[in-house]
Protein backbone atom coordinates (compact mmCIF):
# COMPACT_ATOMS: atom_id res chain seq x y z
CA GLN A 1 43.78 -257.54 -5.68
CA VAL A 2 47.15 -257.73 -7.44
CA GLN A 3 49.50 -260.68 -7.42
CA LEU A 4 53.10 -260.93 -8.53
CA VAL A 5 54.23 -264.45 -9.31
CA GLU A 6 57.87 -265.31 -9.89
CA SER A 7 58.90 -268.41 -11.78
CA GLY A 8 61.93 -269.90 -13.45
CA GLY A 9 64.14 -270.64 -10.47
CA GLY A 10 65.97 -273.88 -9.99
CA LEU A 11 69.32 -275.59 -9.68
CA VAL A 12 72.04 -274.67 -12.16
CA GLN A 13 75.75 -275.37 -12.41
CA PRO A 14 78.29 -272.55 -12.13
CA GLY A 15 78.55 -270.75 -15.43
CA GLY A 16 75.00 -271.63 -16.35
CA SER A 17 71.98 -269.47 -17.06
CA LEU A 18 68.44 -269.06 -15.84
CA ARG A 19 65.62 -266.73 -16.77
CA LEU A 20 63.24 -265.65 -14.08
CA SER A 21 59.81 -264.23 -14.79
CA CYS A 22 57.64 -261.96 -12.69
CA ALA A 23 54.04 -261.87 -13.89
CA ALA A 24 51.47 -259.44 -12.56
CA SER A 25 47.84 -260.45 -12.43
CA GLY A 26 44.64 -259.11 -10.96
CA ASN A 27 42.77 -255.87 -11.17
CA PHE A 28 45.14 -253.05 -12.07
CA VAL A 29 45.77 -250.40 -14.69
CA ARG A 30 49.48 -250.81 -15.35
CA VAL A 31 52.79 -251.81 -13.83
CA TYR A 32 55.35 -249.11 -13.34
CA HIS A 33 58.78 -249.57 -11.81
CA VAL A 34 59.81 -253.18 -11.18
CA ALA A 35 62.81 -254.29 -9.17
CA TRP A 36 64.44 -257.65 -8.55
CA TYR A 37 65.82 -258.41 -5.10
CA ARG A 38 67.53 -261.44 -3.68
CA GLN A 39 68.13 -262.82 -0.24
CA ALA A 40 70.78 -265.38 0.51
CA PRO A 41 70.65 -267.49 3.68
CA GLY A 42 71.70 -265.45 6.68
CA LYS A 43 71.95 -262.23 4.68
CA GLN A 44 69.80 -259.18 4.18
CA ARG A 45 67.67 -258.81 1.11
CA GLU A 46 69.55 -256.84 -1.53
CA LEU A 47 68.59 -255.05 -4.70
CA VAL A 48 69.74 -256.77 -7.87
CA GLY A 49 68.40 -254.33 -10.43
CA SER A 50 65.34 -252.59 -11.70
CA ILE A 51 63.49 -251.48 -14.80
CA ARG A 52 61.32 -248.44 -15.31
CA SER A 53 58.12 -248.43 -17.32
CA GLY A 54 59.98 -246.95 -20.27
CA GLY A 55 62.62 -249.65 -20.19
CA ASP A 56 65.54 -247.91 -18.46
CA THR A 57 67.47 -250.36 -16.31
CA ASN A 58 70.08 -250.28 -13.60
CA TYR A 59 71.97 -253.03 -11.82
CA VAL A 60 74.05 -253.63 -8.75
CA ASP A 61 77.75 -253.81 -9.62
CA SER A 62 78.04 -257.51 -8.78
CA VAL A 63 75.67 -258.52 -11.60
CA LYS A 64 76.49 -255.93 -14.25
CA GLY A 65 77.32 -257.59 -17.54
CA ARG A 66 75.82 -260.91 -16.40
CA PHE A 67 72.18 -260.11 -15.61
CA THR A 68 69.67 -258.40 -17.85
CA ILE A 69 66.21 -257.15 -16.93
CA SER A 70 63.56 -256.75 -19.60
CA ARG A 71 59.82 -256.36 -19.71
CA ASP A 72 56.87 -257.23 -21.88
CA ASN A 73 54.20 -254.69 -21.02
CA ALA A 74 51.58 -256.47 -23.09
CA LYS A 75 52.02 -259.52 -20.87
CA ASN A 76 52.57 -257.53 -17.66
CA THR A 77 55.73 -259.58 -17.18
CA VAL A 78 59.27 -258.66 -16.27
CA TYR A 79 62.21 -260.98 -16.86
CA LEU A 80 65.57 -261.42 -15.21
CA GLN A 81 68.02 -263.15 -17.51
CA MET A 82 70.94 -264.43 -15.46
CA ASN A 83 74.08 -265.62 -17.21
CA SER A 84 77.45 -266.79 -15.94
CA LEU A 85 75.87 -267.73 -12.63
CA GLN A 86 78.14 -268.27 -9.67
CA PRO A 87 77.58 -269.92 -6.28
CA GLU A 88 77.35 -266.49 -4.67
CA ASP A 89 74.24 -265.82 -6.76
CA THR A 90 72.42 -268.50 -4.79
CA ALA A 91 69.43 -266.87 -3.12
CA VAL A 92 65.69 -266.50 -3.15
CA TYR A 93 64.85 -263.96 -5.83
CA TYR A 94 61.89 -261.63 -5.39
CA CYS A 95 60.25 -259.13 -7.65
CA ASN A 96 58.81 -255.90 -6.37
CA ALA A 97 56.56 -253.63 -8.37
CA ASP A 98 54.75 -250.33 -8.21
CA VAL A 99 51.31 -251.03 -9.63
CA VAL A 100 48.61 -248.57 -10.56
CA THR A 101 45.28 -249.59 -9.07
CA ILE A 102 43.47 -246.89 -7.15
CA GLY A 103 46.59 -244.84 -6.80
CA ILE A 104 49.96 -246.56 -6.85
CA ARG A 105 50.69 -249.45 -4.52
CA ASN A 106 53.78 -251.54 -3.99
CA TYR A 107 53.69 -255.32 -4.16
CA TRP A 108 56.09 -258.21 -3.55
CA GLY A 109 56.11 -261.62 -5.13
CA GLN A 110 56.52 -264.80 -3.12
CA GLY A 111 60.05 -265.47 -4.34
CA THR A 112 61.73 -268.19 -6.35
CA GLN A 113 64.80 -270.16 -5.27
CA VAL A 114 67.94 -270.04 -7.39
CA THR A 115 70.71 -272.44 -6.43
CA VAL A 116 74.05 -272.41 -8.20
CA SER A 117 76.05 -275.50 -7.39
CA SER A 118 78.06 -278.21 -9.03
């Protein structure tokens, strides 16, 4: 069984920063592609950005230049550094990963709340 656990969410003022973590645990060989999604109240879940196993990243236009995704393969952890946060970034943030177990399976974390408010 594989688990993805997000952490690092919380309440932050506009202009502030947070770093989210997504840690994989359980019985697996390696973590491949990892993506961060978010879902604001009353809205559909949207892709924020992703990182490939080799480190290549891409981001949705609304977070480019403010958010950075990185990974520590030794720790099986992916990070989402969020700077210059704005109220519209308020959402539950989820990580999603392709994990090699017996074959490749896709997993979701449980989500972590990020609230940007003064």
